[in-house]
Each structure stands twice: as structure tokens, then as C-alpha cells.
PDB file of N, CA and C in Angstrom:
ATOM      1  N   MET A   1    -154.147-138.013  71.511  1.00  0.00           N
ATOM      2  CA  MET A   1    -155.530-138.323  71.425  1.00  0.00           C
ATOM      3  C   MET A   1    -156.063-137.763  70.014  1.00  0.00           C
ATOM      4  N   ILE A   2    -156.903-138.537  69.396  1.00  0.00           N
ATOM      5  CA  ILE A   2    -157.555-138.035  68.182  1.00  0.00           C
ATOM      6  C   ILE A   2    -159.049-138.030  68.492  1.00  0.00           C
ATOM      7  N   TYR A   3    -159.592-136.855  68.222  1.00  0.00           N
ATOM      8  CA  TYR A   3    -161.076-136.674  68.425  1.00  0.00           C
ATOM      9  C   TYR A   3    -161.715-136.411  67.106  1.00  0.00           C
ATOM     10  N   SER A   4    -162.858-137.042  66.940  1.00  0.00           N
ATOM     11  CA  SER A   4    -163.642-136.867  65.702  1.00  0.00           C
ATOM     12  C   SER A   4    -164.509-135.667  65.886  1.00  0.00           C
ATOM     13  N   GLY A   5    -164.420-134.735  64.952  1.00  0.00           N
ATOM     14  CA  GLY A   5    -165.247-133.537  65.016  1.00  0.00           C
ATOM     15  C   GLY A   5    -166.712-133.742  64.719  1.00  0.00           C
ATOM     16  N   ALA A   6    -167.081-134.797  64.022  1.00  0.00           N
ATOM     17  CA  ALA A   6    -168.348-135.038  63.601  1.00  0.00           C
ATOM     18  C   ALA A   6    -169.258-135.832  64.566  1.00  0.00           C
ATOM     19  N   LYS A   7    -168.632-136.374  65.645  1.00  0.00           N
ATOM     20  CA  LYS A   7    -169.371-137.227  66.513  1.00  0.00           C
ATOM     21  C   LYS A   7    -169.781-136.431  67.731  1.00  0.00           C
ATOM     22  N   ALA A   8    -169.238-136.610  68.897  1.00  0.00           N
ATOM     23  CA  ALA A   8    -169.615-135.969  70.177  1.00  0.00           C
ATOM     24  C   ALA A   8    -169.524-134.475  70.044  1.00  0.00           C
ATOM     25  N   ILE A   9    -168.597-133.881  69.278  1.00  0.00           N
ATOM     26  CA  ILE A   9    -168.420-132.476  69.248  1.00  0.00           C
ATOM     27  C   ILE A   9    -169.499-131.817  68.294  1.00  0.00           C
ATOM     28  N   GLU A  10    -170.138-132.675  67.471  1.00  0.00           N
ATOM     29  CA  GLU A  10    -171.201-132.341  66.542  1.00  0.00           C
ATOM     30  C   GLU A  10    -170.800-131.256  65.596  1.00  0.00           C
ATOM     31  N   GLY A  11    -169.619-131.358  65.074  1.00  0.00           N
ATOM     32  CA  GLY A  11    -169.056-130.360  64.099  1.00  0.00           C
ATOM     33  C   GLY A  11    -168.979-131.017  62.711  1.00  0.00           C
ATOM     34  N   PRO A  12    -168.271-130.428  61.766  1.00  0.00           N
ATOM     35  CA  PRO A  12    -168.134-130.938  60.357  1.00  0.00           C
ATOM     36  C   PRO A  12    -167.211-132.162  60.379  1.00  0.00           C
ATOM     37  N   THR A  13    -167.110-132.866  59.289  1.00  0.00           N
ATOM     38  CA  THR A  13    -166.238-133.952  59.114  1.00  0.00           C
ATOM     39  C   THR A  13    -164.822-133.484  59.254  1.00  0.00           C
ATOM     40  N   SER A  14    -164.245-133.707  60.376  1.00  0.00           N
ATOM     41  CA  SER A  14    -162.894-133.224  60.760  1.00  0.00           C
ATOM     42  C   SER A  14    -162.494-133.811  62.049  1.00  0.00           C
ATOM     43  N   GLY A  15    -161.416-133.308  62.625  1.00  0.00           N
ATOM     44  CA  GLY A  15    -161.061-133.855  63.918  1.00  0.00           C
ATOM     45  C   GLY A  15    -159.953-133.111  64.548  1.00  0.00           C
ATOM     46  N   LEU A  16    -159.493-133.491  65.742  1.00  0.00           N
ATOM     47  CA  LEU A  16    -158.469-132.890  66.405  1.00  0.00           C
ATOM     48  C   LEU A  16    -157.343-133.951  66.671  1.00  0.00           C
ATOM     49  N   VAL A  17    -156.071-133.561  66.682  1.00  0.00           N
ATOM     50  CA  VAL A  17    -155.073-134.352  67.114  1.00  0.00           C
ATOM     51  C   VAL A  17    -154.311-133.686  68.265  1.00  0.00           C
ATOM     52  N   ILE A  18    -154.404-134.134  69.433  1.00  0.00           N
ATOM     53  CA  ILE A  18    -153.898-133.466  70.623  1.00  0.00           C
ATOM     54  C   ILE A  18    -152.902-134.390  71.294  1.00  0.00           C
ATOM     55  N   GLY A  19    -151.761-133.947  71.667  1.00  0.00           N
ATOM     56  CA  GLY A  19    -150.805-134.789  72.383  1.00  0.00           C
ATOM     57  C   GLY A  19    -149.369-134.157  72.431  1.00  0.00           C
ATOM     58  N   ARG A  20    -148.482-135.024  72.701  1.00  0.00           N
ATOM     59  CA  ARG A  20    -147.054-134.578  72.783  1.00  0.00           C
ATOM     60  C   ARG A  20    -146.607-134.133  71.423  1.00  0.00           C
ATOM     61  N   HIS A  21    -145.742-133.145  71.465  1.00  0.00           N
ATOM     62  CA  HIS A  21    -145.314-132.412  70.304  1.00  0.00           C
ATOM     63  C   HIS A  21    -144.788-133.361  69.169  1.00  0.00           C
ATOM     64  N   HIS A  22    -143.973-134.308  69.503  1.00  0.00           N
ATOM     65  CA  HIS A  22    -143.356-135.168  68.510  1.00  0.00           C
ATOM     66  C   HIS A  22    -144.458-136.153  67.842  1.00  0.00           C
ATOM     67  N   TYR A  23    -145.476-136.471  68.605  1.00  0.00           N
ATOM     68  CA  TYR A  23    -146.533-137.310  68.046  1.00  0.00           C
ATOM     69  C   TYR A  23    -147.390-136.491  67.025  1.00  0.00           C
ATOM     70  N   VAL A  24    -147.664-135.264  67.376  1.00  0.00           N
ATOM     71  CA  VAL A  24    -148.433-134.391  66.482  1.00  0.00           C
ATOM     72  C   VAL A  24    -147.588-134.096  65.237  1.00  0.00           C
ATOM     73  N   GLU A  25    -146.297-133.956  65.386  1.00  0.00           N
ATOM     74  CA  GLU A  25    -145.380-133.806  64.210  1.00  0.00           C
ATOM     75  C   GLU A  25    -145.438-134.934  63.283  1.00  0.00           C
ATOM     76  N   TRP A  26    -145.450-136.124  63.814  1.00  0.00           N
ATOM     77  CA  TRP A  26    -145.585-137.341  62.968  1.00  0.00           C
ATOM     78  C   TRP A  26    -146.843-137.383  62.185  1.00  0.00           C
ATOM     79  N   VAL A  27    -147.964-136.907  62.782  1.00  0.00           N
ATOM     80  CA  VAL A  27    -149.212-136.844  62.020  1.00  0.00           C
ATOM     81  C   VAL A  27    -149.167-135.790  60.914  1.00  0.00           C
ATOM     82  N   LYS A  28    -148.471-134.645  61.258  1.00  0.00           N
ATOM     83  CA  LYS A  28    -148.411-133.538  60.262  1.00  0.00           C
ATOM     84  C   LYS A  28    -147.547-133.972  59.049  1.00  0.00           C
ATOM     85  N   ARG A  29    -146.659-134.860  59.180  1.00  0.00           N
ATOM     86  CA  ARG A  29    -145.843-135.338  58.081  1.00  0.00           C
ATOM     87  C   ARG A  29    -146.654-135.994  56.970  1.00  0.00           C
ATOM     88  N   GLN A  30    -147.797-136.382  57.272  1.00  0.00           N
ATOM     89  CA  GLN A  30    -148.617-137.081  56.319  1.00  0.00           C
ATOM     90  C   GLN A  30    -149.399-136.159  55.400  1.00  0.00           C
ATOM     91  N   THR A  31    -149.290-134.867  55.520  1.00  0.00           N
ATOM     92  CA  THR A  31    -150.084-133.940  54.743  1.00  0.00           C
ATOM     93  C   THR A  31    -149.824-134.039  53.196  1.00  0.00           C
ATOM     94  N   ASN A  32    -148.701-134.548  52.845  1.00  0.00           N
ATOM     95  CA  ASN A  32    -148.396-134.715  51.390  1.00  0.00           C
ATOM     96  C   ASN A  32    -148.516-136.162  50.954  1.00  0.00           C
ATOM     97  N   GLY A  33    -148.747-137.021  51.889  1.00  0.00           N
ATOM     98  CA  GLY A  33    -148.791-138.462  51.598  1.00  0.00           C
ATOM     99  C   GLY A  33    -150.229-138.977  51.743  1.00  0.00           C
ATOM    100  N   ILE A  34    -150.248-139.987  52.556  1.00  0.00           N
ATOM    101  CA  ILE A  34    -151.626-140.690  52.721  1.00  0.00           C
ATOM    102  C   ILE A  34    -152.681-139.801  53.334  1.00  0.00           C
ATOM    103  N   GLY A  35    -152.200-138.829  54.141  1.00  0.00           N
ATOM    104  CA  GLY A  35    -153.149-137.974  54.848  1.00  0.00           C
ATOM    105  C   GLY A  35    -153.738-136.836  53.933  1.00  0.00           C
ATOM    106  N   ARG A  36    -153.184-136.711  52.710  1.00  0.00           N
ATOM    107  CA  ARG A  36    -153.691-135.619  51.853  1.00  0.00           C
ATOM    108  C   ARG A  36    -155.092-135.701  51.538  1.00  0.00           C
ATOM    109  N   ALA A  37    -155.663-136.898  51.386  1.00  0.00           N
ATOM    110  CA  ALA A  37    -157.083-137.030  51.213  1.00  0.00           C
ATOM    111  C   ALA A  37    -157.913-136.590  52.356  1.00  0.00           C
ATOM    112  N   MET A  38    -157.345-136.520  53.527  1.00  0.00           N
ATOM    113  CA  MET A  38    -158.099-136.098  54.736  1.00  0.00           C
ATOM    114  C   MET A  38    -157.909-134.644  55.040  1.00  0.00           C
ATOM    115  N   LYS A  39    -157.317-133.862  54.117  1.00  0.00           N
ATOM    116  CA  LYS A  39    -157.029-132.401  54.369  1.00  0.00           C
ATOM    117  C   LYS A  39    -158.384-131.738  54.660  1.00  0.00           C
ATOM    118  N   VAL A  40    -158.358-130.807  55.628  1.00  0.00           N
ATOM    119  CA  VAL A  40    -159.494-130.061  55.940  1.00  0.00           C
ATOM    120  C   VAL A  40    -159.386-128.650  55.453  1.00  0.00           C
ATOM    121  N   GLY A  41    -160.375-128.072  54.846  1.00  0.00           N
ATOM    122  CA  GLY A  41    -160.289-126.653  54.292  1.00  0.00           C
ATOM    123  C   GLY A  41    -160.594-125.648  55.410  1.00  0.00           C
ATOM    124  N   LYS A  42    -160.526-124.433  54.927  1.00  0.00           N
ATOM    125  CA  LYS A  42    -160.827-123.281  55.932  1.00  0.00           C
ATOM    126  C   LYS A  42    -162.196-123.341  56.501  1.00  0.00           C
ATOM    127  N   GLU A  43    -163.152-123.783  55.652  1.00  0.00           N
ATOM    128  CA  GLU A  43    -164.568-123.830  56.091  1.00  0.00           C
ATOM    129  C   GLU A  43    -164.686-124.879  57.212  1.00  0.00           C
ATOM    130  N   GLY A  44    -164.004-125.952  57.044  1.00  0.00           N
ATOM    131  CA  GLY A  44    -164.037-127.063  58.091  1.00  0.00           C
ATOM    132  C   GLY A  44    -163.428-126.690  59.428  1.00  0.00           C
ATOM    133  N   ILE A  45    -162.293-125.883  59.213  1.00  0.00           N
ATOM    134  CA  ILE A  45    -161.583-125.419  60.447  1.00  0.00           C
ATOM    135  C   ILE A  45    -162.524-124.453  61.227  1.00  0.00           C
ATOM    136  N   LEU A  46    -163.156-123.542  60.477  1.00  0.00           N
ATOM    137  CA  LEU A  46    -164.038-122.629  61.167  1.00  0.00           C
ATOM    138  C   LEU A  46    -165.207-123.354  61.748  1.00  0.00           C
ATOM    139  N   GLY A  47    -165.781-124.268  61.041  1.00  0.00           N
ATOM    140  CA  GLY A  47    -166.921-125.081  61.545  1.00  0.00           C
ATOM    141  C   GLY A  47    -166.555-125.828  62.798  1.00  0.00           C
ATOM    142  N   LEU A  48    -165.384-126.453  62.756  1.00  0.00           N
ATOM    143  CA  LEU A  48    -164.882-127.187  63.988  1.00  0.00           C
ATOM    144  C   LEU A  48    -164.724-126.226  65.153  1.00  0.00           C
ATOM    145  N   THR A  49    -164.015-125.043  64.851  1.00  0.00           N
ATOM    146  CA  THR A  49    -163.846-124.133  65.927  1.00  0.00           C
ATOM    147  C   THR A  49    -165.097-123.654  66.522  1.00  0.00           C
ATOM    148  N   GLN A  50    -166.090-123.414  65.769  1.00  0.00           N
ATOM    149  CA  GLN A  50    -167.436-123.030  66.301  1.00  0.00           C
ATOM    150  C   GLN A  50    -168.083-124.138  67.019  1.00  0.00           C
ATOM    151  N   ALA A  51    -167.952-125.420  66.524  1.00  0.00           N
ATOM    152  CA  ALA A  51    -168.515-126.485  67.233  1.00  0.00           C
ATOM    153  C   ALA A  51    -167.841-126.781  68.573  1.00  0.00           C
ATOM    154  N   ILE A  52    -166.575-126.577  68.658  1.00  0.00           N
ATOM    155  CA  ILE A  52    -165.856-126.733  69.980  1.00  0.00           C
ATOM    156  C   ILE A  52    -166.353-125.693  70.931  1.00  0.00           C
ATOM    157  N   GLU A  53    -166.447-124.422  70.482  1.00  0.00           N
ATOM    158  CA  GLU A  53    -166.938-123.371  71.302  1.00  0.00           C
ATOM    159  C   GLU A  53    -168.332-123.645  71.877  1.00  0.00           C
ATOM    160  N   ASN A  54    -169.233-124.072  70.953  1.00  0.00           N
ATOM    161  CA  ASN A  54    -170.594-124.466  71.330  1.00  0.00           C
ATOM    162  C   ASN A  54    -170.526-125.667  72.379  1.00  0.00           C
ATOM    163  N   TYR A  55    -169.689-126.615  72.120  1.00  0.00           N
ATOM    164  CA  TYR A  55    -169.561-127.815  73.008  1.00  0.00           C
ATOM    165  C   TYR A  55    -169.158-127.396  74.396  1.00  0.00           C
ATOM    166  N   LEU A  56    -168.260-126.474  74.494  1.00  0.00           N
ATOM    167  CA  LEU A  56    -167.767-126.013  75.755  1.00  0.00           C
ATOM    168  C   LEU A  56    -168.724-125.017  76.541  1.00  0.00           C
ATOM    169  N   THR A  57    -169.622-124.315  75.798  1.00  0.00           N
ATOM    170  CA  THR A  57    -170.388-123.278  76.475  1.00  0.00           C
ATOM    171  C   THR A  57    -171.824-123.576  76.486  1.00  0.00           C
ATOM    172  N   GLN A  58    -172.362-124.444  75.719  1.00  0.00           N
ATOM    173  CA  GLN A  58    -173.799-124.657  75.728  1.00  0.00           C
ATOM    174  C   GLN A  58    -174.099-125.784  76.702  1.00  0.00           C
ATOM    175  N   PRO A  59    -175.323-125.746  77.317  1.00  0.00           N
ATOM    176  CA  PRO A  59    -175.754-126.760  78.269  1.00  0.00           C
ATOM    177  C   PRO A  59    -175.799-128.147  77.660  1.00  0.00           C
ATOM    178  N   LYS A  60    -175.353-129.073  78.340  1.00  0.00           N
ATOM    179  CA  LYS A  60    -175.370-130.473  77.790  1.00  0.00           C
ATOM    180  C   LYS A  60    -176.764-131.062  78.024  1.00  0.00           C
ATOM    181  N   ILE A  61    -177.223-131.969  77.033  1.00  0.00           N
ATOM    182  CA  ILE A  61    -178.437-132.696  77.240  1.00  0.00           C
ATOM    183  C   ILE A  61    -178.037-134.150  77.300  1.00  0.00           C
ATOM    184  N   SER A  62    -178.840-134.917  78.119  1.00  0.00           N
ATOM    185  CA  SER A  62    -178.513-136.380  78.187  1.00  0.00           C
ATOM    186  C   SER A  62    -179.067-137.092  77.040  1.00  0.00           C
ATOM    187  N   GLY A  63    -178.711-138.333  76.881  1.00  0.00           N
ATOM    188  CA  GLY A  63    -179.271-139.139  75.804  1.00  0.00           C
ATOM    189  C   GLY A  63    -180.768-139.300  75.979  1.00  0.00           C
ATOM    190  N   ALA A  64    -181.299-139.445  77.147  1.00  0.00           N
ATOM    191  CA  ALA A  64    -182.705-139.527  77.454  1.00  0.00           C
ATOM    192  C   ALA A  64    -183.432-138.292  77.011  1.00  0.00           C
ATOM    193  N   GLN A  65    -182.794-137.150  77.291  1.00  0.00           N
ATOM    194  CA  GLN A  65    -183.420-135.818  76.891  1.00  0.00           C
ATOM    195  C   GLN A  65    -183.476-135.692  75.382  1.00  0.00           C
ATOM    196  N   MET A  66    -182.415-136.214  74.709  1.00  0.00           N
ATOM    197  CA  MET A  66    -182.353-136.059  73.290  1.00  0.00           C
ATOM    198  C   MET A  66    -183.457-137.048  72.695  1.00  0.00           C
ATOM    199  N   VAL A  67    -183.548-138.211  73.259  1.00  0.00           N
ATOM    200  CA  VAL A  67    -184.697-139.142  72.774  1.00  0.00           C
ATOM    201  C   VAL A  67    -186.056-138.450  72.898  1.00  0.00           C
ATOM    202  N   GLU A  68    -186.240-137.885  74.111  1.00  0.00           N
ATOM    203  CA  GLU A  68    -187.579-137.269  74.377  1.00  0.00           C
ATOM    204  C   GLU A  68    -187.732-136.069  73.370  1.00  0.00           C
ATOM    205  N   LYS A  69    -186.751-135.320  73.079  1.00  0.00           N
ATOM    206  CA  LYS A  69    -186.797-134.201  72.094  1.00  0.00           C
ATOM    207  C   LYS A  69    -187.106-134.687  70.706  1.00  0.00           C
ATOM    208  N   MET A  70    -186.454-135.797  70.330  1.00  0.00           N
ATOM    209  CA  MET A  70    -186.595-136.274  68.937  1.00  0.00           C
ATOM    210  C   MET A  70    -187.800-137.178  68.660  1.00  0.00           C
ATOM    211  N   THR A  71    -188.423-137.702  69.722  1.00  0.00           N
ATOM    212  CA  THR A  71    -189.546-138.674  69.537  1.00  0.00           C
ATOM    213  C   THR A  71    -190.686-138.070  68.664  1.00  0.00           C
ATOM    214  N   PRO A  72    -191.167-136.832  68.921  1.00  0.00           N
ATOM    215  CA  PRO A  72    -192.184-136.339  68.063  1.00  0.00           C
ATOM    216  C   PRO A  72    -191.819-136.295  66.495  1.00  0.00           C
ATOM    217  N   PHE A  73    -190.504-135.922  66.293  1.00  0.00           N
ATOM    218  CA  PHE A  73    -190.073-135.869  64.885  1.00  0.00           C
ATOM    219  C   PHE A  73    -189.984-137.202  64.338  1.00  0.00           C
ATOM    220  N   ILE A  74    -189.479-138.267  65.044  1.00  0.00           N
ATOM    221  CA  ILE A  74    -189.393-139.649  64.562  1.00  0.00           C
ATOM    222  C   ILE A  74    -190.772-140.194  64.296  1.00  0.00           C
ATOM    223  N   GLU A  75    -191.774-139.881  65.199  1.00  0.00           N
ATOM    224  CA  GLU A  75    -193.112-140.342  64.986  1.00  0.00           C
ATOM    225  C   GLU A  75    -193.755-139.690  63.747  1.00  0.00           C
ATOM    226  N   GLN A  76    -193.389-138.457  63.426  1.00  0.00           N
ATOM    227  CA  GLN A  76    -193.903-137.769  62.243  1.00  0.00           C
ATOM    228  C   GLN A  76    -193.231-138.542  60.971  1.00  0.00           C
ATOM    229  N   LEU A  77    -191.991-138.778  61.036  1.00  0.00           N
ATOM    230  CA  LEU A  77    -191.324-139.499  59.943  1.00  0.00           C
ATOM    231  C   LEU A  77    -192.016-140.862  59.710  1.00  0.00           C
ATOM    232  N   ASN A  78    -192.262-141.567  60.792  1.00  0.00           N
ATOM    233  CA  ASN A  78    -192.855-142.886  60.643  1.00  0.00           C
ATOM    234  C   ASN A  78    -194.274-142.835  60.108  1.00  0.00           C
ATOM    235  N   SER A  79    -194.911-141.739  60.195  1.00  0.00           N
ATOM    236  CA  SER A  79    -196.258-141.487  59.594  1.00  0.00           C
ATOM    237  C   SER A  79    -196.251-141.291  58.105  1.00  0.00           C
ATOM    238  N   LEU A  80    -195.168-141.033  57.511  1.00  0.00           N
ATOM    239  CA  LEU A  80    -195.076-140.812  56.079  1.00  0.00           C
ATOM    240  C   LEU A  80    -195.071-142.173  55.322  1.00  0.00           C
ATOM    241  N   ASN A  81    -195.681-142.143  54.192  1.00  0.00           N
ATOM    242  CA  ASN A  81    -195.807-143.288  53.389  1.00  0.00           C
ATOM    243  C   ASN A  81    -194.345-143.700  52.836  1.00  0.00           C
ATOM    244  N   GLY A  82    -193.939-144.856  53.120  1.00  0.00           N
ATOM    245  CA  GLY A  82    -192.737-145.384  52.649  1.00  0.00           C
ATOM    246  C   GLY A  82    -191.458-145.001  53.417  1.00  0.00           C
ATOM    247  N   VAL A  83    -191.657-144.422  54.629  1.00  0.00           N
ATOM    248  CA  VAL A  83    -190.572-143.993  55.465  1.00  0.00           C
ATOM    249  C   VAL A  83    -190.611-144.761  56.823  1.00  0.00           C
ATOM    250  N   THR A  84    -189.515-145.322  57.235  1.00  0.00           N
ATOM    251  CA  THR A  84    -189.433-145.892  58.565  1.00  0.00           C
ATOM    252  C   THR A  84    -188.158-145.335  59.189  1.00  0.00           C
ATOM    253  N   ALA A  85    -188.325-145.006  60.488  1.00  0.00           N
ATOM    254  CA  ALA A  85    -187.175-144.467  61.316  1.00  0.00           C
ATOM    255  C   ALA A  85    -187.179-145.333  62.543  1.00  0.00           C
ATOM    256  N   PRO A  86    -186.439-146.325  62.565  1.00  0.00           N
ATOM    257  CA  PRO A  86    -186.457-147.299  63.774  1.00  0.00           C
ATOM    258  C   PRO A  86    -185.876-146.549  64.958  1.00  0.00           C
ATOM    259  N   GLY A  87    -186.354-146.873  66.204  1.00  0.00           N
ATOM    260  CA  GLY A  87    -185.922-146.289  67.410  1.00  0.00           C
ATOM    261  C   GLY A  87    -184.616-146.811  67.900  1.00  0.00           C
ATOM    262  N   SER A  88    -184.366-146.616  69.166  1.00  0.00           N
ATOM    263  CA  SER A  88    -183.046-146.945  69.739  1.00  0.00           C
ATOM    264  C   SER A  88    -183.093-147.866  70.871  1.00  0.00           C
ATOM    265  N   VAL A  89    -184.151-148.750  70.857  1.00  0.00           N
ATOM    266  CA  VAL A  89    -184.379-149.665  72.019  1.00  0.00           C
ATOM    267  C   VAL A  89    -183.118-150.569  72.200  1.00  0.00           C
ATOM    268  N   GLY A  90    -182.669-150.559  73.432  1.00  0.00           N
ATOM    269  CA  GLY A  90    -181.574-151.402  73.809  1.00  0.00           C
ATOM    270  C   GLY A  90    -180.151-150.961  73.448  1.00  0.00           C
ATOM    271  N   ARG A  91    -180.117-149.698  72.964  1.00  0.00           N
ATOM    272  CA  ARG A  91    -178.833-149.176  72.548  1.00  0.00           C
ATOM    273  C   ARG A  91    -178.405-148.146  73.490  1.00  0.00           C
ATOM    274  N   SER A  92    -177.054-147.939  73.788  1.00  0.00           N
ATOM    275  CA  SER A  92    -176.631-146.929  74.656  1.00  0.00           C
ATOM    276  C   SER A  92    -176.603-145.617  74.000  1.00  0.00           C
ATOM    277  N   ARG A  93    -176.435-145.583  72.608  1.00  0.00           N
ATOM    278  CA  ARG A  93    -176.382-144.323  71.899  1.00  0.00           C
ATOM    279  C   ARG A  93    -177.521-144.378  70.887  1.00  0.00           C
ATOM    280  N   THR A  94    -178.178-143.209  70.813  1.00  0.00           N
ATOM    281  CA  THR A  94    -179.354-143.123  69.952  1.00  0.00           C
ATOM    282  C   THR A  94    -178.974-142.764  68.598  1.00  0.00           C
ATOM    283  N   ARG A  95    -179.339-143.510  67.603  1.00  0.00           N
ATOM    284  CA  ARG A  95    -179.021-143.195  66.161  1.00  0.00           C
ATOM    285  C   ARG A  95    -180.318-143.492  65.413  1.00  0.00           C
ATOM    286  N   HIS A  96    -180.901-142.508  64.934  1.00  0.00           N
ATOM    287  CA  HIS A  96    -182.152-142.719  64.079  1.00  0.00           C
ATOM    288  C   HIS A  96    -181.674-142.691  62.633  1.00  0.00           C
ATOM    289  N   ARG A  97    -181.974-143.624  61.835  1.00  0.00           N
ATOM    290  CA  ARG A  97    -181.578-143.690  60.479  1.00  0.00           C
ATOM    291  C   ARG A  97    -182.879-143.903  59.620  1.00  0.00           C
ATOM    292  N   PRO A  98    -183.442-142.795  59.163  1.00  0.00           N
ATOM    293  CA  PRO A  98    -184.702-142.985  58.325  1.00  0.00           C
ATOM    294  C   PRO A  98    -184.394-143.785  57.145  1.00  0.00           C
ATOM    295  N   VAL A  99    -185.354-144.564  56.735  1.00  0.00           N
ATOM    296  CA  VAL A  99    -185.145-145.483  55.531  1.00  0.00           C
ATOM    297  C   VAL A  99    -186.338-145.169  54.647  1.00  0.00           C
ATOM    298  N   LEU A 100    -186.041-144.908  53.361  1.00  0.00           N
ATOM    299  CA  LEU A 100    -187.072-144.673  52.374  1.00  0.00           C
ATOM    300  C   LEU A 100    -187.302-145.974  51.582  1.00  0.00           C
ATOM    301  N   ARG A 101    -188.589-146.323  51.436  1.00  0.00           N
ATOM    302  CA  ARG A 101    -188.894-147.492  50.608  1.00  0.00           C
ATOM    303  C   ARG A 101    -189.714-147.065  49.470  1.00  0.00           C
ATOM    304  N   SER A 102    -189.557-147.700  48.312  1.00  0.00           N
ATOM    305  CA  SER A 102    -190.283-147.368  47.139  1.00  0.00           C
ATOM    306  C   SER A 102    -191.730-147.761  47.118  1.00  0.00           C
ATOM    307  N   SER A 103    -192.055-148.818  47.968  1.00  0.00           N
ATOM    308  CA  SER A 103    -193.458-149.154  48.156  1.00  0.00           C
ATOM    309  C   SER A 103    -193.717-149.364  49.601  1.00  0.00           C
ATOM    310  N   SER A 104    -194.926-149.181  49.982  1.00  0.00           N
ATOM    311  CA  SER A 104    -195.226-149.300  51.425  1.00  0.00           C
ATOM    312  C   SER A 104    -196.705-149.745  51.512  1.00  0.00           C
ATOM    313  N   THR A 105    -196.976-150.418  52.698  1.00  0.00           N
ATOM    314  CA  THR A 105    -198.336-150.792  52.988  1.00  0.00           C
ATOM    315  C   THR A 105    -199.030-149.785  53.844  1.00  0.00           C
ATOM    316  N   LYS A 106    -198.245-148.704  54.270  1.00  0.00           N
ATOM    317  CA  LYS A 106    -198.880-147.671  55.209  1.00  0.00           C
ATOM    318  C   LYS A 106    -199.901-146.844  54.296  1.00  0.00           C
ATOM    319  N   PRO A 107    -201.020-146.628  54.945  1.00  0.00           N
ATOM    320  CA  PRO A 107    -201.979-145.683  54.234  1.00  0.00           C
ATOM    321  C   PRO A 107    -201.333-144.277  54.071  1.00  0.00           C
ATOM    322  N   ARG A 108    -201.571-143.648  52.964  1.00  0.00           N
ATOM    323  CA  ARG A 108    -200.970-142.339  52.725  1.00  0.00           C
ATOM    324  C   ARG A 108    -201.908-141.301  53.222  1.00  0.00           C
ATOM    325  N   SER A 109    -201.412-140.391  53.986  1.00  0.00           N
ATOM    326  CA  SER A 109    -202.220-139.277  54.511  1.00  0.00           C
ATOM    327  C   SER A 109    -202.177-138.251  53.421  1.00  0.00           C
ATOM    328  N   SER A 110    -203.331-137.442  53.284  1.00  0.00           N
ATOM    329  CA  SER A 110    -203.356-136.419  52.269  1.00  0.00           C
ATOM    330  C   SER A 110    -202.414-135.274  52.672  1.00  0.00           C
ATOM    331  N   SER A 111    -202.190-135.126  53.984  1.00  0.00           N
ATOM    332  CA  SER A 111    -201.350-134.022  54.405  1.00  0.00           C
ATOM    333  C   SER A 111    -199.815-134.421  54.449  1.00  0.00           C
ATOM    334  N   ALA A 112    -199.533-135.646  54.179  1.00  0.00           N
ATOM    335  CA  ALA A 112    -198.173-136.056  54.227  1.00  0.00           C
ATOM    336  C   ALA A 112    -197.446-135.658  52.915  1.00  0.00           C
ATOM    337  N   PRO A 113    -196.247-135.115  52.937  1.00  0.00           N
ATOM    338  CA  PRO A 113    -195.525-134.846  51.729  1.00  0.00           C
ATOM    339  C   PRO A 113    -195.087-136.005  50.993  1.00  0.00           C
ATOM    340  N   ALA A 114    -195.033-135.900  49.601  1.00  0.00           N
ATOM    341  CA  ALA A 114    -194.564-137.001  48.760  1.00  0.00           C
ATOM    342  C   ALA A 114    -193.049-137.089  48.857  1.00  0.00           C
ATOM    343  N   ILE A 115    -192.530-138.246  48.888  1.00  0.00           N
ATOM    344  CA  ILE A 115    -191.130-138.501  48.883  1.00  0.00           C
ATOM    345  C   ILE A 115    -190.863-139.413  47.715  1.00  0.00           C
ATOM    346  N   TRP A 116    -190.059-138.961  46.828  1.00  0.00           N
ATOM    347  CA  TRP A 116    -189.748-139.706  45.621  1.00  0.00           C
ATOM    348  C   TRP A 116    -188.349-140.323  45.770  1.00  0.00           C
ATOM    349  N   CYS A 117    -188.217-141.588  45.385  1.00  0.00           N
ATOM    350  CA  CYS A 117    -186.984-142.288  45.463  1.00  0.00           C
ATOM    351  C   CYS A 117    -186.642-142.810  44.072  1.00  0.00           C
ATOM    352  N   ARG A 118    -185.480-142.601  43.584  1.00  0.00           N
ATOM    353  CA  ARG A 118    -185.046-143.123  42.271  1.00  0.00           C
ATOM    354  C   ARG A 118    -184.255-144.375  42.556  1.00  0.00           C
ATOM    355  N   ARG A 119    -184.614-145.381  41.783  1.00  0.00           N
ATOM    356  CA  ARG A 119    -183.843-146.703  41.873  1.00  0.00           C
ATOM    357  C   ARG A 119    -182.604-146.652  41.072  1.00  0.00           C
TER     358      ARG A 119
END
């Protein structure tokens, strides 16, 4: 099995290879070849180790709970001039991807921070 460290485990860009010894050895043979570009440093190993510990010990929250938790933040993002953060309607996994636009028709609030985008 190959697990992404950056997705469900919520760790750094890394991953785990778990399985029978000879399969893991086959993967390890790539450290000087094509796999060299995917080498993980000490910081990534420590970050992934901490992420796994957190994943195993901290209480889990459901997707609905995460949406509820993030909704006020997403609403605040959507109130900023030139920023849109679409919701997750109809998707099984929630992914908010804020988009910055150089011009917007939204009225600018005096309390909203300025966001500068370079083209």
C-alpha cells in the first residue's frame, strides 16, 4: 500500500510505502534513479511522523463537521473584494480553493484587507 502523507493524514508532502518486504525493497531501489526527485528530507520525515501520531490519537471530525467549522471562514473570504471561495455542493469531499481576481464587482468594505495580485 502507498499512502499519501499530505491527504487524509494531513502531513507534509510525503508518503508511506507499507507491504511485503520484497515490494518495499523494489521501491527502495529507486532512490538513485527516478525516485531521487521524490526523496524526503529529515524535516518531512519528522512532520509525517507527527502527523501520523496526531491522526492516530486526536478525535476524528466528519466532513459535515469540517464544513460547519470552515463555513464562517469561507464566508469571510467571500466578503473580500476580488476573492471567491466556492463551496462543496454535491461533492463527497470538501475542497475550498480561494480564487483571487484582479477586478471585482463586489463592493469593497473599509475593514477588508487589501489583496494585491501581480499578473
